[in-house]
Amino acid sequence: MKILFAGTPDFARIALQRLLDAGFTIPLVLTQPDRPAGRGMKLQASPVKQCALEHGIAVAQPRSLRLDGKYPEDAAAARDALIAAGADAMVVAAYGLILPQWVLDLPAKGCLNIHASLLPRWRGAAPIHRAIEAGDAETGVTIMQMDAGLDTGDMLLVEKTAIAATDTTAALHDRLADLGGRMIVQALELAACGGLTATPQPAEGVTYAHKIEKAESAIDWAQPAEAIGRRIRAFDPFPGASTTLAGEAIKVWSYEIDSALPPDSLRPGHILSVSDQGVTVACGDGGLRLTTLQRAGGKRLPVADFLRGFALTPGMVLGSTAPAGARE
């Protein structure tokens, strides 16, 4: 089978590589335009583009695929390239552009999407983050036949995986990317012999995984310790859960739950104890022992190393704009 591929980040790159390893012919890859990245903000190709170029595959980077949209010349050029490729199906994984109906109708076997959730739960842009944040016990990958809706198409293959109590978005992303790469190969092999069955998504249980915003990174210490911990893991690696002390930002990357705190021992955000094993902070319910921290512009550090360059003492209040030495 000849396969078109549309994707942008590393999640999609892994799927593209698995398709190539399985021997599928991929005449054309679509990916997002190069974006500024890094300290120098130089234009950088997406992981999918880098993979495609390494394998000598033609790459198209339209700003839009809408023929009646803001960039009709980009869409028209992409249409010509897609038609010329003459592929049997298109695989889409975290592409970042909405596919108009003319794209969905183009391949004979349609467009197959690799979605990192158990649909219809967590349709949308950030299913891995939101599953961890919500405390879901499991997630998985759904291979879906795309339609005009937002992740509403029929399910073709579904596999589940447990979410561990220590899983970050980074760790779960890698497991789901590997799973998605294996499943899309399986789906296309089944499609080639007519063995793929489409099942409509259930009408119940629909939730939306809205895009992660930087503004969500601020820790609300009035929340229960368990909820704060889930957000710390959900926002690793982006945008990182953060708090402040005397106006300086501190990111929190790892923690342990301290459930032994007496109720209402101190108001949320108070530092209760400091040691090389962790900085214990009162939350709305229970406490967190922070074990990996980062100053603005610095590196992630184990708490013992962090404390050598940033003094934290019991009585200080995280999330406060008061002077660093103040007690509240």
Protein backbone atom coordinates (compact mmCIF):
# COMPACT_ATOMS: atom_id res chain seq x y z
CA MET A 1 0.00 0.00 0.00
CA LYS A 2 1.04 3.57 -0.70
CA ILE A 3 0.48 5.73 2.34
CA LEU A 4 0.33 9.49 2.80
CA PHE A 5 1.45 10.61 6.24
CA ALA A 6 0.51 13.78 8.13
CA GLY A 7 2.06 14.55 11.51
CA THR A 8 4.38 16.91 13.33
CA PRO A 9 5.82 16.06 16.80
CA ASP A 10 7.82 13.10 18.09
CA PHE A 11 4.64 11.10 18.74
CA ALA A 12 4.01 11.14 14.99
CA ARG A 13 7.67 10.57 14.07
CA ILE A 14 7.63 7.22 15.89
CA ALA A 15 4.58 6.12 13.89
CA LEU A 16 6.19 7.23 10.62
CA GLN A 17 9.33 5.25 11.41
CA ARG A 18 7.29 2.14 12.24
CA LEU A 19 5.46 2.39 8.91
CA LEU A 20 8.74 2.69 7.05
CA ASP A 21 10.23 -0.25 8.96
CA ALA A 22 7.17 -2.32 8.03
CA GLY A 23 7.82 -1.68 4.34
CA PHE A 24 5.00 0.71 3.46
CA THR A 25 5.65 3.06 0.56
CA ILE A 26 5.24 6.68 1.66
CA PRO A 27 5.57 9.07 -1.29
CA LEU A 28 4.63 12.26 0.61
CA VAL A 29 4.63 13.58 4.16
CA LEU A 30 2.67 16.60 5.40
CA THR A 31 3.91 18.44 8.48
CA GLN A 32 3.65 21.86 10.11
CA PRO A 33 5.85 24.70 8.84
CA ASP A 34 9.23 25.12 10.53
CA ARG A 35 8.95 27.03 13.82
CA PRO A 36 11.43 29.11 15.87
CA ALA A 37 12.79 27.06 18.76
CA GLY A 38 15.61 26.97 21.30
CA ARG A 39 17.51 29.81 22.94
CA GLY A 40 18.42 31.33 19.59
CA MET A 41 14.84 30.96 18.28
CA LYS A 42 16.13 29.61 14.97
CA LEU A 43 13.72 27.93 12.58
CA GLN A 44 13.59 24.22 13.33
CA ALA A 45 12.10 21.38 11.31
CA SER A 46 9.56 19.17 13.04
CA PRO A 47 10.61 15.65 14.11
CA VAL A 48 8.41 14.25 11.32
CA LYS A 49 10.09 16.43 8.69
CA GLN A 50 13.53 15.41 9.92
CA CYS A 51 12.58 11.73 9.69
CA ALA A 52 11.09 12.15 6.21
CA LEU A 53 14.16 13.92 4.86
CA GLU A 54 16.43 11.25 6.31
CA HIS A 55 14.51 8.70 4.22
CA GLY A 56 14.34 10.83 1.07
CA ILE A 57 10.58 11.39 1.29
CA ALA A 58 9.01 14.50 -0.23
CA VAL A 59 7.65 16.94 2.37
CA ALA A 60 4.83 19.50 2.08
CA GLN A 61 4.30 22.13 4.78
CA PRO A 62 1.08 24.01 3.97
CA ARG A 63 -0.06 26.65 6.43
CA SER A 64 -3.63 25.54 5.77
CA LEU A 65 -5.49 22.90 3.77
CA ARG A 66 -8.63 24.97 3.32
CA LEU A 67 -9.05 25.91 -0.32
CA ASP A 68 -11.30 28.81 0.72
CA GLY A 69 -9.21 29.82 3.72
CA LYS A 70 -6.47 32.32 4.51
CA TYR A 71 -3.79 30.49 2.50
CA PRO A 72 -5.58 29.10 -0.60
CA GLU A 73 -2.32 28.87 -2.56
CA ASP A 74 -0.82 26.58 0.11
CA ALA A 75 -3.92 24.40 0.07
CA ALA A 76 -4.00 24.18 -3.73
CA ALA A 77 -0.33 23.19 -3.90
CA ALA A 78 -0.89 20.54 -1.23
CA ARG A 79 -3.91 19.20 -3.12
CA ASP A 80 -1.86 18.84 -6.30
CA ALA A 81 0.89 17.01 -4.38
CA LEU A 82 -1.58 14.69 -2.64
CA ILE A 83 -3.34 13.82 -5.90
CA ALA A 84 -0.02 13.21 -7.65
CA ALA A 85 1.07 10.83 -4.87
CA GLY A 86 -1.81 8.49 -5.71
CA ALA A 87 -1.88 6.87 -2.29
CA ASP A 88 -4.33 4.28 -0.96
CA ALA A 89 -4.74 5.79 2.52
CA MET A 90 -3.55 8.62 4.74
CA VAL A 91 -2.27 8.20 8.29
CA VAL A 92 -2.66 11.22 10.58
CA ALA A 93 -0.95 11.59 13.96
CA ALA A 94 -0.84 14.87 15.89
CA TYR A 95 -0.66 16.86 12.66
CA GLY A 96 -1.99 20.16 13.98
CA LEU A 97 -4.17 21.16 11.03
CA ILE A 98 -7.85 20.37 10.50
CA LEU A 99 -8.39 18.18 7.45
CA PRO A 100 -11.19 19.53 5.22
CA GLN A 101 -13.58 17.13 3.54
CA TRP A 102 -11.69 17.10 0.25
CA VAL A 103 -8.67 15.60 2.04
CA LEU A 104 -10.77 13.03 3.90
CA ASP A 105 -12.34 11.92 0.61
CA LEU A 106 -9.11 11.74 -1.38
CA PRO A 107 -7.58 8.34 -0.47
CA ALA A 108 -9.60 5.25 -1.44
CA LYS A 109 -9.34 3.84 2.08
CA GLY A 110 -9.77 7.21 3.78
CA CYS A 111 -7.75 8.81 6.57
CA LEU A 112 -6.75 6.86 9.67
CA ASN A 113 -5.91 8.76 12.85
CA ILE A 114 -3.73 7.62 15.77
CA HIS A 115 -5.32 9.12 18.89
CA ALA A 116 -3.74 8.74 22.33
CA SER A 117 -6.86 8.03 24.38
CA LEU A 118 -9.71 5.58 24.76
CA LEU A 119 -12.31 7.40 22.70
CA PRO A 120 -14.74 9.00 23.24
CA ARG A 121 -12.91 10.01 26.44
CA TRP A 122 -10.43 12.82 25.84
CA ARG A 123 -11.15 13.92 22.33
CA GLY A 124 -9.02 16.90 21.44
CA ALA A 125 -5.53 18.29 21.67
CA ALA A 126 -4.05 17.08 24.98
CA PRO A 127 -5.41 13.62 25.83
CA ILE A 128 -2.28 12.37 27.63
CA HIS A 129 -2.00 15.40 29.91
CA ARG A 130 -5.68 15.43 30.77
CA ALA A 131 -5.86 11.72 31.55
CA ILE A 132 -3.08 12.06 34.13
CA GLU A 133 -4.50 15.30 35.53
CA ALA A 134 -7.92 13.70 35.99
CA GLY A 135 -6.48 10.69 37.81
CA ASP A 136 -7.60 8.15 35.19
CA ALA A 137 -6.53 4.59 35.97
CA GLU A 138 -6.02 3.70 32.33
CA THR A 139 -5.72 5.16 28.87
CA GLY A 140 -4.65 3.78 25.51
CA VAL A 141 -4.62 4.33 21.77
CA THR A 142 -7.55 4.41 19.37
CA ILE A 143 -7.03 4.01 15.63
CA MET A 144 -9.94 5.93 14.16
CA GLN A 145 -11.45 6.40 10.71
CA MET A 146 -11.47 10.18 10.42
CA ASP A 147 -14.59 12.18 9.65
CA ALA A 148 -15.36 15.90 9.69
CA GLY A 149 -15.84 16.06 13.48
CA LEU A 150 -13.25 16.52 16.23
CA ASP A 151 -12.09 12.95 16.95
CA THR A 152 -15.62 11.64 16.34
CA GLY A 153 -14.91 8.99 13.69
CA ASP A 154 -15.52 5.25 13.94
CA MET A 155 -13.05 3.21 15.98
CA LEU A 156 -10.98 0.64 14.09
CA LEU A 157 -8.59 -0.66 16.77
CA VAL A 158 -8.36 0.05 20.51
CA GLU A 159 -5.73 -1.01 23.04
CA LYS A 160 -5.52 -0.07 26.72
CA THR A 161 -2.63 0.58 29.08
CA ALA A 162 -2.58 1.34 32.80
CA ILE A 163 -1.51 4.76 34.09
CA ALA A 164 0.95 4.27 36.92
CA ALA A 165 0.94 6.51 39.99
CA THR A 166 4.38 7.80 38.95
CA ASP A 167 3.66 8.35 35.25
CA THR A 168 4.45 11.76 33.82
CA THR A 169 3.17 12.95 30.47
CA ALA A 170 6.67 12.38 29.08
CA ALA A 171 6.77 8.74 30.19
CA LEU A 172 3.20 7.95 29.14
CA HIS A 173 3.72 9.74 25.81
CA ASP A 174 6.58 7.41 24.94
CA ARG A 175 4.59 4.27 25.79
CA LEU A 176 1.57 5.42 23.81
CA ALA A 177 3.71 6.50 20.84
CA ASP A 178 5.23 3.01 20.66
CA LEU A 179 1.78 1.45 21.00
CA GLY A 180 0.32 3.72 18.32
CA GLY A 181 3.14 2.90 15.92
CA ARG A 182 2.54 -0.83 16.30
CA MET A 183 -1.25 -0.47 16.03
CA ILE A 184 -1.24 1.63 12.84
CA VAL A 185 0.87 -0.99 11.09
CA GLN A 186 -1.60 -3.65 12.22
CA ALA A 187 -4.57 -1.54 11.09
CA LEU A 188 -3.17 -0.98 7.60
CA GLU A 189 -2.31 -4.64 7.19
CA LEU A 190 -5.88 -5.53 8.14
CA ALA A 191 -7.25 -2.85 5.81
CA ALA A 192 -5.26 -4.28 2.91
CA CYS A 193 -7.04 -7.62 3.23
CA GLY A 194 -10.47 -6.27 4.14
CA GLY A 195 -10.21 -7.38 7.77
CA LEU A 196 -10.73 -4.02 9.47
CA THR A 197 -14.05 -3.46 11.25
CA ALA A 198 -15.37 0.02 12.08
CA THR A 199 -17.29 0.55 15.33
CA PRO A 200 -19.12 3.82 16.09
CA GLN A 201 -17.98 5.60 19.24
CA PRO A 202 -20.33 5.36 22.24
CA ALA A 203 -22.58 8.37 22.77
CA GLU A 204 -21.82 8.30 26.51
CA GLY A 205 -18.55 9.24 28.19
CA VAL A 206 -17.49 12.05 25.86
CA THR A 207 -14.87 14.40 27.35
CA TYR A 208 -12.61 16.98 25.72
CA ALA A 209 -8.89 17.36 26.31
CA HIS A 210 -8.44 21.07 25.85
CA LYS A 211 -5.04 22.41 24.82
CA ILE A 212 -2.58 22.97 27.67
CA GLU A 213 -2.02 26.65 28.40
CA LYS A 214 1.01 28.10 30.18
CA ALA A 215 -1.32 29.90 32.57
CA GLU A 216 -2.38 26.52 34.00
CA SER A 217 1.11 25.86 35.35
CA ALA A 218 0.67 27.85 38.59
CA ILE A 219 0.19 25.55 41.59
CA ASP A 220 -2.83 26.28 43.76
CA TRP A 221 -1.70 25.04 47.17
CA ALA A 222 -5.30 25.13 48.42
CA GLN A 223 -6.00 22.07 46.27
CA PRO A 224 -5.62 18.57 47.78
CA ALA A 225 -2.10 17.15 47.68
CA GLU A 226 -3.20 14.32 45.35
CA ALA A 227 -4.66 16.77 42.82
CA ILE A 228 -1.56 18.98 42.86
CA GLY A 229 0.63 15.91 42.41
CA ARG A 230 -1.33 14.79 39.37
CA ARG A 231 -0.89 18.23 37.78
CA ILE A 232 2.85 18.15 38.46
CA ARG A 233 3.06 14.85 36.55
CA ALA A 234 0.62 15.96 33.84
CA PHE A 235 2.60 19.13 33.11
CA ASP A 236 5.97 17.34 32.80
CA PRO A 237 7.63 18.24 30.43
CA PHE A 238 5.34 21.15 29.39
CA PRO A 239 4.56 23.67 30.74
CA GLY A 240 5.91 22.47 34.11
CA ALA A 241 4.06 23.04 37.38
CA SER A 242 5.36 26.18 39.05
CA THR A 243 5.08 28.24 42.19
CA THR A 244 6.72 31.44 43.41
CA LEU A 245 8.69 32.69 46.37
CA ALA A 246 9.24 36.44 46.70
CA GLY A 247 8.22 36.77 43.07
CA GLU A 248 10.78 34.26 41.78
CA ALA A 249 9.42 31.29 39.85
CA ILE A 250 10.24 27.76 40.99
CA LYS A 251 9.23 24.72 38.96
CA VAL A 252 8.33 21.49 40.71
CA TRP A 253 9.15 18.28 38.84
CA SER A 254 8.78 15.47 41.37
CA TYR A 255 7.21 14.91 44.76
CA GLU A 256 6.03 12.44 47.36
CA ILE A 257 2.65 12.56 49.08
CA ASP A 258 2.82 13.30 52.82
CA SER A 259 -0.54 12.19 54.16
CA ALA A 260 0.54 12.26 57.83
CA LEU A 261 0.00 16.00 58.27
CA PRO A 262 -2.63 16.97 60.86
CA PRO A 263 -5.66 18.70 59.32
CA ASP A 264 -5.46 22.48 59.17
CA SER A 265 -1.87 22.40 60.50
CA LEU A 266 -0.97 25.54 58.54
CA ARG A 267 -2.52 27.37 55.69
CA PRO A 268 -1.76 26.03 52.18
CA GLY A 269 1.63 26.96 50.74
CA HIS A 270 3.47 27.04 54.06
CA ILE A 271 6.80 25.21 54.07
CA LEU A 272 6.63 22.82 57.02
CA SER A 273 10.06 21.22 56.90
CA VAL A 274 13.23 21.30 54.82
CA SER A 275 15.82 18.54 54.41
CA ASP A 276 17.98 16.93 51.74
CA GLN A 277 15.12 14.45 51.25
CA GLY A 278 12.54 17.08 50.37
CA VAL A 279 10.71 20.31 51.10
CA THR A 280 7.34 19.55 52.71
CA VAL A 281 4.56 21.98 51.86
CA ALA A 282 1.05 22.18 53.34
CA CYS A 283 -1.78 21.73 50.84
CA GLY A 284 -5.53 22.09 51.14
CA ASP A 285 -5.63 18.43 52.15
CA GLY A 286 -2.40 16.73 53.20
CA GLY A 287 1.03 17.80 52.06
CA LEU A 288 3.62 17.34 49.35
CA ARG A 289 7.29 16.63 49.83
CA LEU A 290 8.96 18.31 46.85
CA THR A 291 11.99 16.35 45.66
CA THR A 292 13.06 17.90 42.33
CA LEU A 293 13.04 21.69 41.78
CA GLN A 294 14.23 24.21 39.21
CA ARG A 295 14.91 27.94 39.31
CA ALA A 296 14.12 30.14 36.32
CA GLY A 297 16.93 29.70 33.79
CA GLY A 298 18.42 26.80 35.75
CA LYS A 299 18.35 23.03 35.54
CA ARG A 300 16.19 20.44 37.23
CA LEU A 301 17.97 19.56 40.48
CA PRO A 302 17.45 17.06 43.28
CA VAL A 303 16.27 19.03 46.29
CA ALA A 304 19.60 18.68 48.15
CA ASP A 305 21.43 20.37 45.26
CA PHE A 306 18.69 22.97 44.80
CA LEU A 307 18.91 24.04 48.44
CA ARG A 308 22.63 24.80 48.11
CA GLY A 309 21.78 27.68 45.80
CA PHE A 310 18.34 28.68 47.05
CA ALA A 311 17.59 28.87 50.76
CA LEU A 312 14.19 27.56 51.79
CA THR A 313 13.22 27.42 55.45
CA PRO A 314 10.15 26.34 57.44
CA GLY A 315 7.57 29.10 57.66
CA MET A 316 8.13 30.54 54.22
CA VAL A 317 5.04 30.59 52.02
CA LEU A 318 5.15 29.36 48.44
CA GLY A 319 2.97 31.29 46.06
CA SER A 320 3.66 34.43 48.07
CA THR A 321 4.99 37.77 46.90
CA ALA A 322 6.25 38.64 50.39
CA PRO A 323 10.02 39.02 50.95
CA ALA A 324 11.81 35.66 50.90
CA GLY A 325 12.63 35.75 54.59
CA ALA A 326 9.12 36.65 55.70
CA ARG A 327 6.87 34.34 57.70
CA GLU A 328 3.09 34.50 57.35
